[in-house]
Each structure stands twice: as C-alpha cells, then as structure tokens.
C-alpha atoms as a PDB file:
ATOM      1  CA  UNK A   1      83.367 140.745  20.144  1.00  0.00           C
ATOM      2  CA  UNK A   2      79.563 141.177  20.282  1.00  0.00           C
ATOM      3  CA  UNK A   3      77.372 143.427  18.870  1.00  0.00           C
ATOM      4  CA  UNK A   4      73.741 144.253  19.157  1.00  0.00           C
ATOM      5  CA  UNK A   5      70.471 145.007  16.695  1.00  0.00           C
ATOM      6  CA  UNK A   6      70.344 148.299  16.503  1.00  0.00           C
ATOM      7  CA  UNK A   7      73.964 149.560  16.429  1.00  0.00           C
ATOM      8  CA  UNK A   8      75.248 152.091  14.972  1.00  0.00           C
ATOM      9  CA  UNK A   9      78.598 150.260  13.086  1.00  0.00           C
ATOM     10  CA  UNK A  10      80.686 151.692  10.657  1.00  0.00           C
ATOM     11  CA  UNK A  11      82.073 149.047   8.225  1.00  0.00           C
ATOM     12  CA  UNK A  12      85.138 148.923   6.154  1.00  0.00           C
ATOM     13  CA  UNK A  13      86.011 150.709   2.454  1.00  0.00           C
ATOM     14  CA  UNK A  14      84.992 149.034  -0.398  1.00  0.00           C
ATOM     15  CA  UNK A  15      86.844 151.219  -2.990  1.00  0.00           C
ATOM     16  CA  UNK A  16      90.877 150.904  -3.864  1.00  0.00           C
ATOM     17  CA  UNK A  17      92.785 152.692  -0.441  1.00  0.00           C
ATOM     18  CA  UNK A  18      94.849 155.447  -0.659  1.00  0.00           C
ATOM     19  CA  UNK A  19      96.915 157.783   1.459  1.00  0.00           C
ATOM     20  CA  UNK A  20      94.236 160.666   2.236  1.00  0.00           C
ATOM     21  CA  UNK A  21      91.099 158.172   1.401  1.00  0.00           C
ATOM     22  CA  UNK A  22      88.811 157.618   4.307  1.00  0.00           C
ATOM     23  CA  UNK A  23      88.916 153.894   5.468  1.00  0.00           C
ATOM     24  CA  UNK A  24      85.364 153.550   6.908  1.00  0.00           C
ATOM     25  CA  UNK A  25      81.918 154.200   6.122  1.00  0.00           C
ATOM     26  CA  UNK A  26      78.942 154.480   7.916  1.00  0.00           C
ATOM     27  CA  UNK A  27      77.622 154.345  10.805  1.00  0.00           C
ATOM     28  CA  UNK A  28      75.030 151.431   9.527  1.00  0.00           C
ATOM     29  CA  UNK A  29      72.675 149.714  11.300  1.00  0.00           C
ATOM     30  CA  UNK A  30      72.866 145.976  12.500  1.00  0.00           C
ATOM     31  CA  UNK A  31      69.442 144.936  11.306  1.00  0.00           C
ATOM     32  CA  UNK A  32      70.090 140.909  12.188  1.00  0.00           C
ATOM     33  CA  UNK A  33      72.985 138.506  13.691  1.00  0.00           C
ATOM     34  CA  UNK A  34      72.836 136.025  11.107  1.00  0.00           C
ATOM     35  CA  UNK A  35      75.536 133.427  12.926  1.00  0.00           C
ATOM     36  CA  UNK A  36      77.756 133.963  15.741  1.00  0.00           C
ATOM     37  CA  UNK A  37      80.317 136.502  13.832  1.00  0.00           C
ATOM     38  CA  UNK A  38      78.631 137.839  11.483  1.00  0.00           C
ATOM     39  CA  UNK A  39      76.117 140.583  11.231  1.00  0.00           C
ATOM     40  CA  UNK A  40      73.142 141.979   8.444  1.00  0.00           C
ATOM     41  CA  UNK A  41      73.260 145.957   8.204  1.00  0.00           C
ATOM     42  CA  UNK A  42      70.722 147.956   7.165  1.00  0.00           C
ATOM     43  CA  UNK A  43      73.336 149.780   3.966  1.00  0.00           C
ATOM     44  CA  UNK A  44      72.819 153.230   2.284  1.00  0.00           C
ATOM     45  CA  UNK A  45      70.736 153.504  -1.102  1.00  0.00           C
ATOM     46  CA  UNK A  46      73.785 153.871  -2.629  1.00  0.00           C
ATOM     47  CA  UNK A  47      75.438 150.397  -1.815  1.00  0.00           C
ATOM     48  CA  UNK A  48      72.380 148.820  -2.913  1.00  0.00           C
ATOM     49  CA  UNK A  49      74.432 146.297  -4.959  1.00  0.00           C
ATOM     50  CA  UNK A  50      76.577 145.353  -2.130  1.00  0.00           C
ATOM     51  CA  UNK A  51      75.427 142.279  -0.104  1.00  0.00           C
ATOM     52  CA  UNK A  52      75.118 143.444   3.420  1.00  0.00           C
ATOM     53  CA  UNK A  53      76.219 140.124   5.355  1.00  0.00           C
ATOM     54  CA  UNK A  54      79.705 141.201   6.916  1.00  0.00           C
ATOM     55  CA  UNK A  55      81.944 139.468   9.476  1.00  0.00           C
ATOM     56  CA  UNK A  56      82.236 140.994  13.091  1.00  0.00           C
ATOM     57  CA  UNK A  57      86.131 141.899  12.122  1.00  0.00           C
ATOM     58  CA  UNK A  58      85.055 144.065   9.205  1.00  0.00           C
ATOM     59  CA  UNK A  59      82.865 145.987  11.634  1.00  0.00           C
ATOM     60  CA  UNK A  60      83.972 148.894  14.383  1.00  0.00           C
ATOM     61  CA  UNK A  61      81.891 150.550  16.727  1.00  0.00           C
ATOM     62  CA  UNK A  62      80.822 153.654  16.184  1.00  0.00           C
ATOM     63  CA  UNK A  63      80.702 156.750  19.120  1.00  0.00           C
ATOM     64  CA  UNK A  64      79.243 159.028  19.082  1.00  0.00           C
ATOM     65  CA  UNK A  65      80.463 162.466  18.611  1.00  0.00           C
ATOM     66  CA  UNK A  66      78.676 166.104  18.652  1.00  0.00           C
ATOM     67  CA  UNK A  67      81.519 167.192  16.235  1.00  0.00           C
ATOM     68  CA  UNK A  68      80.081 164.308  14.025  1.00  0.00           C
ATOM     69  CA  UNK A  69      77.231 166.405  13.531  1.00  0.00           C
ATOM     70  CA  UNK A  70      76.373 169.046  10.811  1.00  0.00           C
ATOM     71  CA  UNK A  71      73.974 172.237  11.472  1.00  0.00           C
ATOM     72  CA  UNK A  72      71.352 172.844   8.226  1.00  0.00           C
ATOM     73  CA  UNK A  73      72.954 176.368   6.943  1.00  0.00           C
ATOM     74  CA  UNK A  74      69.545 178.245   5.558  1.00  0.00           C
ATOM     75  CA  UNK A  75      69.440 178.855   1.826  1.00  0.00           C
ATOM     76  CA  UNK A  76      67.174 180.900  -0.404  1.00  0.00           C
ATOM     77  CA  UNK A  77      66.100 178.804  -3.323  1.00  0.00           C
ATOM     78  CA  UNK A  78      64.323 181.270  -5.771  1.00  0.00           C
ATOM     79  CA  UNK A  79      61.269 179.777  -7.387  1.00  0.00           C
ATOM     80  CA  UNK A  80      63.734 178.826 -10.526  1.00  0.00           C
ATOM     81  CA  UNK A  81      65.766 176.264  -7.664  1.00  0.00           C
ATOM     82  CA  UNK A  82      68.580 178.544  -7.974  1.00  0.00           C
ATOM     83  CA  UNK A  83      70.531 180.532  -5.248  1.00  0.00           C
ATOM     84  CA  UNK A  84      73.855 182.728  -4.875  1.00  0.00           C
ATOM     85  CA  UNK A  85      76.677 181.724  -3.348  1.00  0.00           C
ATOM     86  CA  UNK A  86      79.234 184.716  -2.295  1.00  0.00           C
ATOM     87  CA  UNK A  87      82.771 184.123  -1.610  1.00  0.00           C
ATOM     88  CA  UNK A  88      84.376 185.208   2.292  1.00  0.00           C
ATOM     89  CA  UNK A  89      88.275 184.935   1.666  1.00  0.00           C
ATOM     90  CA  UNK A  90      90.564 182.757   0.032  1.00  0.00           C
ATOM     91  CA  UNK A  91      92.457 180.080   2.257  1.00  0.00           C
ATOM     92  CA  UNK A  92      94.905 179.104   0.178  1.00  0.00           C
ATOM     93  CA  UNK A  93      96.917 179.043  -3.144  1.00  0.00           C
ATOM     94  CA  UNK A  94      98.474 175.698  -4.821  1.00  0.00           C
ATOM     95  CA  UNK A  95     100.062 175.737  -8.125  1.00  0.00           C
ATOM     96  CA  UNK A  96     100.188 171.765  -9.189  1.00  0.00           C
ATOM     97  CA  UNK A  97     102.318 170.771 -11.857  1.00  0.00           C
ATOM     98  CA  UNK A  98     101.982 168.437 -14.517  1.00  0.00           C
ATOM     99  CA  UNK A  99     104.352 166.989 -16.937  1.00  0.00           C
ATOM    100  CA  UNK A 100     103.896 169.925 -19.425  1.00  0.00           C
ATOM    101  CA  UNK A 101     100.972 172.209 -17.821  1.00  0.00           C
ATOM    102  CA  UNK A 102     100.859 174.684 -14.539  1.00  0.00           C
ATOM    103  CA  UNK A 103      97.204 174.091 -13.361  1.00  0.00           C
ATOM    104  CA  UNK A 104      96.590 176.692 -10.596  1.00  0.00           C
ATOM    105  CA  UNK A 105      94.525 175.682  -7.935  1.00  0.00           C
ATOM    106  CA  UNK A 106      92.286 178.028  -4.846  1.00  0.00           C
ATOM    107  CA  UNK A 107      90.805 176.966  -1.790  1.00  0.00           C
ATOM    108  CA  UNK A 108      88.173 179.830  -1.308  1.00  0.00           C
ATOM    109  CA  UNK A 109      85.377 180.180   1.744  1.00  0.00           C
ATOM    110  CA  UNK A 110      81.627 180.507   0.098  1.00  0.00           C
ATOM    111  CA  UNK A 111      79.158 181.933   2.563  1.00  0.00           C
END
C-alpha cells in the first residue's frame, strides 16, 4: 500500500479502546515519505507531543463524504461573550443505576 504526499489519512487511536470509542483519528495530511513503509503526518495541535512518523499499516485511506461536513449554525453572541440556548424537545430519558444510587439522564435537543 502506498500513499502520496498531500493525501489525507486517518490514523489509529492512541488511548485505550472501548466498545463505543472511535478507532481512528483524522483525517491528517501526509507531509513526507520517510521510508518505503513509513510516513510523516501533520498532526493536530492536541497531539503535538506524539511522534509524527507512522507505519503504513497504522494508516487508513480517508474517503471524503459530504455527510462528514457540518454546516456552522449562526449564533448571536452578546458583548459579554455569552449566548442563549433554548431546549426544543426531550429526545430520551433514562435512569442510570449505580450500586446505591440512581442518576436520571435526559437527552435534550437544544436550539
């Protein structure tokens, strides 16, 4: 498997895996081909402490999809840098039971 400089790639997750945790992080741009099977990536600032050279087996090709693009919504920000949120409706209710207490959870659609 070979990639070109400037390609967008997803890379493997660095923290421990869970059932619902995402497996891939990205997309990240390939900056340089270091060796035949290793590539240097342009990592986001939150991953600046991580070594940026990855083996080809740790990379997956990013396939562009318009559903990945999120349109920004217009938010009116006041002069004191605050904004107002309004609940539209309740999507789900659930009660989480721990050993000796119950925690009510509510999923709300906000405007």
